[in-house]
Structures are given as structure tokens and as C-alpha cells.
Amino acid sequence: MALADDPLKRLRSLGWAADGHELDEEVLEAIARLPIRSRQKLVAWLDVMSRELERARDDEDVVGDASQRAVDIGAARERTRLARELHDEIGADLAAAVALFKYYFESAHGRQDREKTLRNIFDIVRGLLTQTRQMMRSMRTHQLGPGGLVGDLSALGEEYSQRHGIKVEIEALGSEDDLTQNQREVIFQVVREALSNVRRHSGADSCSIVLNLAAQPFFVEVSDSGSGVSDRSGEGYGLIGMRERAAGIRGRLQLVSAPGRGTKVFLFGP
């Protein structure tokens, strides 16, 4: 069979070669001299391999595009979270402070209640400063200390005990070694936000944190025995932010609560 009529010419058009170069004439001639059955099997195998390589290159391009889309979606979510936080919290408090200033300057009663009015304004501005600092902390990537994730959460629990009088108990099952850096970051941020909600809303003087890193998927539980949640129709930015962080690692967040029966926040891994 003439080489020009042989299926090997398809290999030339595909540019097949393990070292990235086209098969040279000597190799093609050697393949052409093989028995027909052997030649057909070899050509068929090379043809399949060529197609697989093309498919792999196409898949690599798709993965690259998907990764960029994931980055863009994450950035958009973070912008949305910050905009919502600025509007719902800082914007609302600024509006309240302006209203009190207006009352103070334009109302006789405001001038008579000078100390009370200025005290209210002071409390609002002080709260704004705290919220701004919390927002800045949430924008930074948390760098784990030498004690790892469990060590940093233990330090966070100690801080809540000393500053806010909330006893925090932590139980860790399994090892954090198999977690990615992003998963550790999400766990820390979700637990910190959950503790913040305990301090601000629950009225509880204690809470517990369970890290079950041995489970498949891993899960984290933050629970308190406080007042619970009666109306979840309008979730605050903190809870929405936790849900978005969970979705960012292909996990999910679940809130279990009832009036007078406390609250449990679950973070499930991918």
C-alpha cells in the first residue's frame, strides 16, 4: 500500500507526536511496513490519542475560563456584601446621627436636652467606628497563627469571654490538615460572625463550637441557649454573608432557631 494512500497521512495532518513534533518520514515509513493488522491497530491507537490530547487542551481552556468566572463572581458577591453593609448599617446610623443633630440645632427641646441628645449622637458615632473596623477586618484574609485554625478559634473564644462575658466552649474532632486554606478562612470567618450574632442578639452568656473535621463532608456548629430568632423574613447582612462564604467553598449554611430555644448555625463543607 502506498504511503500516500495509507491512513498514516491523517497523523501528519493531526501533527501527532509525543515530543511535540510531527512524525518524521522514517517513522512513517517504518509504520507503513508493518503488517496490515498491526498497522491498522497502531494507527487507530495514535488517532485516538490525538483526539484525547485535543480534548484535553479544550478542557483546559474551559477550566481556565470557569476559574476566571468564579473569581469574577466572588468579587461581585463581595462588592454586593459591602454595599449592603454600608447601606443597612453604616448608612442607617449616619442618617440617625444627622437627624439628631438636626433636632439639636433646630428644636428648643433639643437644646434643652443637650446632654442627652449629644450622648445619643456619641453612642451612634462610636458604634459607627466599631462597625467600620469590623468591616475592614472582614475584608482582610485571616492569617492562621502557629496554633492553626483550632488555636485561633480558641483565642477568639477567650477574647469573647474576657471582653463580653460570654463563655465559649470549643470541641474539635478530626484534623484540620486536610482542609484547604480557603476552607479554613471560611470556617474562621463564619464562626466569628456567628459569635458576633450571639453577642449582639441572643442575650446568652455561653455558647459552644463543634468542629467535626472527620465527617464527610466536614461541618461546624455554633450554638447558644439565648432568645432565639422569631422572624427570619429579612436576614441581616451577617447571615447573608455567611451563606455566601459557604457557597464559595461549595458548602452550605443552615440556621436552626426558635423563640426562647436558642440558635444553632451549621456550616457544611463541600
Protein backbone atom coordinates (compact mmCIF):
# COMPACT_ATOMS: atom_id res chain seq x y z
CA MET A 1 0.00 0.00 0.00
CA ALA A 2 1.46 3.36 -0.99
CA LEU A 3 2.18 5.70 1.84
CA ALA A 4 0.12 8.43 0.21
CA ASP A 5 -2.95 6.17 0.31
CA ASP A 6 -2.31 4.93 3.85
CA PRO A 7 -4.32 6.22 6.88
CA LEU A 8 -0.98 7.39 8.29
CA LYS A 9 -1.32 10.60 6.30
CA ARG A 10 -4.06 11.55 8.77
CA LEU A 11 -1.44 11.51 11.52
CA ARG A 12 0.60 14.05 9.56
CA SER A 13 -2.38 16.39 9.32
CA LEU A 14 -3.05 15.99 13.06
CA GLY A 15 0.57 16.83 13.90
CA TRP A 16 0.70 13.81 16.21
CA ALA A 17 3.95 13.15 18.09
CA ALA A 18 4.79 12.52 21.71
CA ASP A 19 7.63 15.08 21.68
CA GLY A 20 5.51 17.83 20.14
CA HIS A 21 6.93 17.48 16.61
CA GLU A 22 5.37 15.92 13.55
CA LEU A 23 6.24 12.28 12.91
CA ASP A 24 9.21 12.22 10.55
CA GLU A 25 9.37 10.26 7.30
CA GLU A 26 11.44 7.39 8.71
CA VAL A 27 8.87 6.68 11.44
CA LEU A 28 6.02 6.87 8.94
CA GLU A 29 7.84 4.52 6.58
CA ALA A 30 8.52 2.07 9.42
CA ILE A 31 4.84 2.09 10.41
CA ALA A 32 3.82 1.62 6.77
CA ARG A 33 5.92 -1.57 6.55
CA LEU A 34 4.11 -3.21 9.47
CA PRO A 35 1.61 -5.99 8.72
CA ILE A 36 -1.78 -4.58 7.82
CA ARG A 37 -3.49 -5.61 11.08
CA SER A 38 -0.67 -4.26 13.25
CA ARG A 39 -0.54 -1.05 11.22
CA GLN A 40 -4.29 -0.53 11.50
CA LYS A 41 -4.25 -1.10 15.26
CA LEU A 42 -1.33 1.28 15.75
CA VAL A 43 -2.85 3.98 13.54
CA ALA A 44 -6.20 3.64 15.31
CA TRP A 45 -4.49 3.96 18.69
CA LEU A 46 -2.49 7.01 17.61
CA ASP A 47 -5.64 8.56 16.18
CA VAL A 48 -7.48 8.06 19.47
CA MET A 49 -4.58 9.54 21.44
CA SER A 50 -4.53 12.59 19.15
CA ARG A 51 -8.22 13.17 19.75
CA GLU A 52 -7.78 12.78 23.50
CA LEU A 53 -5.00 15.35 23.50
CA GLU A 54 -7.15 17.79 21.57
CA ARG A 55 -10.00 17.23 24.02
CA ALA A 56 -7.66 17.75 26.97
CA ARG A 57 -6.46 21.06 25.51
CA ASP A 58 -10.07 22.15 25.01
CA ASP A 59 -10.95 21.13 28.58
CA GLU A 60 -8.01 23.11 29.90
CA ASP A 61 -9.27 26.22 28.13
CA VAL A 62 -12.75 25.67 29.57
CA VAL A 63 -11.37 25.23 33.10
CA GLY A 64 -9.38 28.44 32.73
CA ASP A 65 -12.49 30.34 31.68
CA ALA A 66 -14.51 28.81 34.53
CA SER A 67 -11.85 29.78 37.08
CA GLN A 68 -11.91 33.37 35.88
CA ARG A 69 -15.70 33.41 36.06
CA ALA A 70 -15.53 32.08 39.62
CA VAL A 71 -13.13 34.90 40.56
CA ASP A 72 -15.41 37.48 38.94
CA ILE A 73 -18.49 36.08 40.72
CA GLY A 74 -16.66 36.11 44.05
CA ALA A 75 -15.62 39.73 43.55
CA ALA A 76 -19.18 40.71 42.61
CA ARG A 77 -20.56 38.98 45.71
CA GLU A 78 -18.05 40.81 47.92
CA ARG A 79 -18.98 44.17 46.38
CA THR A 80 -22.66 43.38 46.96
CA ARG A 81 -21.99 42.43 50.58
CA LEU A 82 -20.05 45.63 51.24
CA ALA A 83 -22.70 47.77 49.55
CA ARG A 84 -25.43 46.09 51.61
CA GLU A 85 -23.44 46.55 54.83
CA LEU A 86 -22.76 50.21 54.07
CA HIS A 87 -26.42 50.84 53.32
CA ASP A 88 -28.05 48.77 56.07
CA GLU A 89 -25.72 49.51 58.95
CA ILE A 90 -23.39 52.47 58.49
CA GLY A 91 -25.77 54.43 56.26
CA ALA A 92 -28.67 53.97 58.65
CA ASP A 93 -26.64 55.06 61.68
CA LEU A 94 -25.27 58.09 59.84
CA ALA A 95 -28.81 59.10 58.96
CA ALA A 96 -29.82 58.74 62.61
CA ALA A 97 -26.87 60.89 63.74
CA VAL A 98 -27.76 63.60 61.21
CA ALA A 99 -31.39 63.53 62.38
CA LEU A 100 -30.26 64.03 66.00
CA PHE A 101 -28.01 66.92 65.02
CA LYS A 102 -30.92 68.48 63.14
CA TYR A 103 -33.13 68.02 66.21
CA TYR A 104 -30.44 69.58 68.41
CA PHE A 105 -29.91 72.65 66.24
CA GLU A 106 -33.49 73.32 65.17
CA SER A 107 -35.58 72.32 68.20
CA ALA A 108 -35.87 74.11 71.50
CA HIS A 109 -36.36 70.75 73.19
CA GLY A 110 -33.15 69.52 71.58
CA ARG A 111 -31.18 72.37 73.11
CA GLN A 112 -32.82 71.86 76.48
CA ASP A 113 -31.92 68.12 76.41
CA ARG A 114 -28.41 68.99 75.27
CA GLU A 115 -26.54 66.31 77.24
CA LYS A 116 -28.99 63.52 76.39
CA THR A 117 -29.00 64.41 72.68
CA LEU A 118 -25.22 64.64 72.45
CA ARG A 119 -24.86 61.37 74.36
CA ASN A 120 -27.10 59.62 71.82
CA ILE A 121 -25.06 61.08 68.97
CA PHE A 122 -21.83 59.99 70.68
CA ASP A 123 -23.13 56.42 71.07
CA ILE A 124 -24.11 56.28 67.39
CA VAL A 125 -20.73 57.60 66.19
CA ARG A 126 -18.86 55.22 68.48
CA GLY A 127 -20.90 52.33 67.09
CA LEU A 128 -20.10 53.50 63.55
CA LEU A 129 -16.40 53.35 64.34
CA THR A 130 -16.77 49.79 65.64
CA GLN A 131 -18.75 48.72 62.56
CA THR A 132 -16.17 50.28 60.24
CA ARG A 133 -13.35 48.42 61.97
CA GLN A 134 -15.29 45.16 61.79
CA MET A 135 -15.86 45.71 58.07
CA MET A 136 -12.16 46.31 57.49
CA ARG A 137 -11.28 43.12 59.41
CA SER A 138 -13.76 41.11 57.36
CA MET A 139 -12.10 42.31 54.13
CA ARG A 140 -8.70 41.01 55.17
CA THR A 141 -7.66 37.41 54.72
CA HIS A 142 -7.13 35.85 58.12
CA GLN A 143 -3.62 34.54 58.51
CA LEU A 144 -3.59 31.49 60.76
CA GLY A 145 -1.24 31.54 63.70
CA PRO A 146 1.08 28.72 64.76
CA GLY A 147 -1.83 27.03 66.56
CA GLY A 148 -3.75 26.67 63.30
CA LEU A 149 -7.50 27.07 62.90
CA VAL A 150 -8.40 25.47 66.24
CA GLY A 151 -5.82 27.60 68.05
CA ASP A 152 -7.14 30.83 66.51
CA LEU A 153 -10.75 29.94 67.31
CA SER A 154 -9.73 29.17 70.89
CA ALA A 155 -8.08 32.59 71.12
CA LEU A 156 -11.25 34.16 69.69
CA GLY A 157 -13.30 32.35 72.35
CA GLU A 158 -11.01 33.67 75.09
CA GLU A 159 -11.45 37.18 73.73
CA TYR A 160 -15.25 36.89 73.90
CA SER A 161 -15.03 35.56 77.43
CA GLN A 162 -12.82 38.41 78.66
CA ARG A 163 -14.42 41.31 76.77
CA HIS A 164 -18.07 40.30 76.59
CA GLY A 165 -18.57 37.83 79.43
CA ILE A 166 -19.59 35.03 77.04
CA LYS A 167 -18.15 31.62 77.84
CA VAL A 168 -17.15 29.84 74.62
CA GLU A 169 -16.51 26.10 74.62
CA ILE A 170 -14.77 24.51 71.63
CA GLU A 171 -14.71 20.83 70.68
CA ALA A 172 -12.62 19.69 67.71
CA LEU A 173 -12.94 16.26 66.11
CA GLY A 174 -10.51 15.13 63.42
CA SER A 175 -7.59 17.00 61.89
CA GLU A 176 -7.57 20.29 60.02
CA ASP A 177 -4.63 19.16 57.87
CA ASP A 178 -6.89 18.08 55.01
CA LEU A 179 -8.65 21.46 54.81
CA THR A 180 -7.63 23.93 52.14
CA GLN A 181 -6.53 27.43 53.10
CA ASN A 182 -9.78 28.81 51.69
CA GLN A 183 -11.87 26.37 53.74
CA ARG A 184 -10.04 27.34 56.93
CA GLU A 185 -10.60 31.00 56.14
CA VAL A 186 -14.32 30.45 55.59
CA ILE A 187 -14.68 28.44 58.82
CA PHE A 188 -12.95 31.15 60.84
CA GLN A 189 -15.00 33.98 59.31
CA VAL A 190 -18.31 32.13 59.72
CA VAL A 191 -17.58 31.27 63.37
CA ARG A 192 -16.53 34.85 64.09
CA GLU A 193 -19.74 36.23 62.55
CA ALA A 194 -21.82 33.64 64.43
CA LEU A 195 -20.18 34.67 67.73
CA SER A 196 -20.86 38.31 66.88
CA ASN A 197 -24.55 37.45 66.43
CA VAL A 198 -24.56 35.65 69.79
CA ARG A 199 -23.15 38.76 71.45
CA ARG A 200 -25.48 41.23 69.74
CA HIS A 201 -28.77 39.35 69.55
CA SER A 202 -29.04 36.24 71.70
CA GLY A 203 -28.61 37.52 75.23
CA ALA A 204 -26.83 34.24 76.04
CA ASP A 205 -23.86 34.13 78.39
CA SER A 206 -22.38 30.97 76.85
CA CYS A 207 -22.15 29.16 73.54
CA SER A 208 -20.42 26.12 72.08
CA ILE A 209 -18.49 25.48 68.90
CA VAL A 210 -18.11 21.99 67.46
CA LEU A 211 -15.67 21.37 64.61
CA ASN A 212 -16.26 17.92 63.16
CA LEU A 213 -13.46 17.75 60.61
CA ALA A 214 -13.56 13.96 60.50
CA ALA A 215 -17.06 13.90 58.98
CA GLN A 216 -17.69 13.73 55.23
CA PRO A 217 -18.42 16.48 54.50
CA PHE A 218 -16.97 18.32 57.48
CA PHE A 219 -19.32 20.50 59.47
CA VAL A 220 -19.14 23.26 62.06
CA GLU A 221 -21.84 24.00 64.64
CA VAL A 222 -22.13 27.19 66.68
CA SER A 223 -24.97 27.00 69.22
CA ASP A 224 -26.29 29.13 72.06
CA SER A 225 -29.19 28.92 74.52
CA GLY A 226 -30.30 32.50 74.09
CA SER A 227 -33.54 34.17 73.00
CA GLY A 228 -33.63 32.54 69.56
CA VAL A 229 -34.94 34.02 66.33
CA SER A 230 -38.65 34.56 65.80
CA ASP A 231 -38.65 36.30 62.39
CA ARG A 232 -36.24 35.34 59.61
CA SER A 233 -38.10 37.06 56.79
CA GLY A 234 -35.39 39.68 56.47
CA GLU A 235 -31.96 38.16 57.03
CA GLY A 236 -29.25 40.56 58.12
CA TYR A 237 -26.13 41.13 56.08
CA GLY A 238 -24.12 38.97 58.51
CA LEU A 239 -26.17 35.84 57.85
CA ILE A 240 -26.29 36.53 54.13
CA GLY A 241 -22.52 36.98 54.14
CA MET A 242 -22.08 33.64 55.90
CA ARG A 243 -24.26 31.93 53.29
CA GLU A 244 -22.18 33.47 50.50
CA ARG A 245 -18.92 32.37 52.13
CA ALA A 246 -20.28 28.82 52.45
CA ALA A 247 -21.32 28.82 48.79
CA GLY A 248 -17.82 29.99 47.89
CA ILE A 249 -16.40 26.61 49.01
CA ARG A 250 -19.36 24.68 47.52
CA GLY A 251 -20.78 24.20 51.00
CA ARG A 252 -23.96 25.44 52.65
CA LEU A 253 -25.11 27.22 55.77
CA GLN A 254 -28.14 26.25 57.85
CA LEU A 255 -29.81 28.19 60.68
CA VAL A 256 -31.96 26.37 63.25
CA SER A 257 -33.71 28.58 65.80
CA ALA A 258 -36.95 29.12 67.71
CA PRO A 259 -38.08 31.82 70.17
CA GLY A 260 -36.71 31.07 73.63
CA ARG A 261 -34.88 27.94 72.47
CA GLY A 262 -31.59 29.37 71.26
CA THR A 263 -29.93 29.30 67.88
CA LYS A 264 -27.70 26.86 66.03
CA VAL A 265 -25.67 27.79 62.97
CA PHE A 266 -24.34 24.92 60.86
CA LEU A 267 -21.65 25.22 58.20
CA PHE A 268 -21.37 22.14 55.98
CA GLY A 269 -18.33 21.65 53.78
CA PRO A 270 -18.41 20.58 50.12
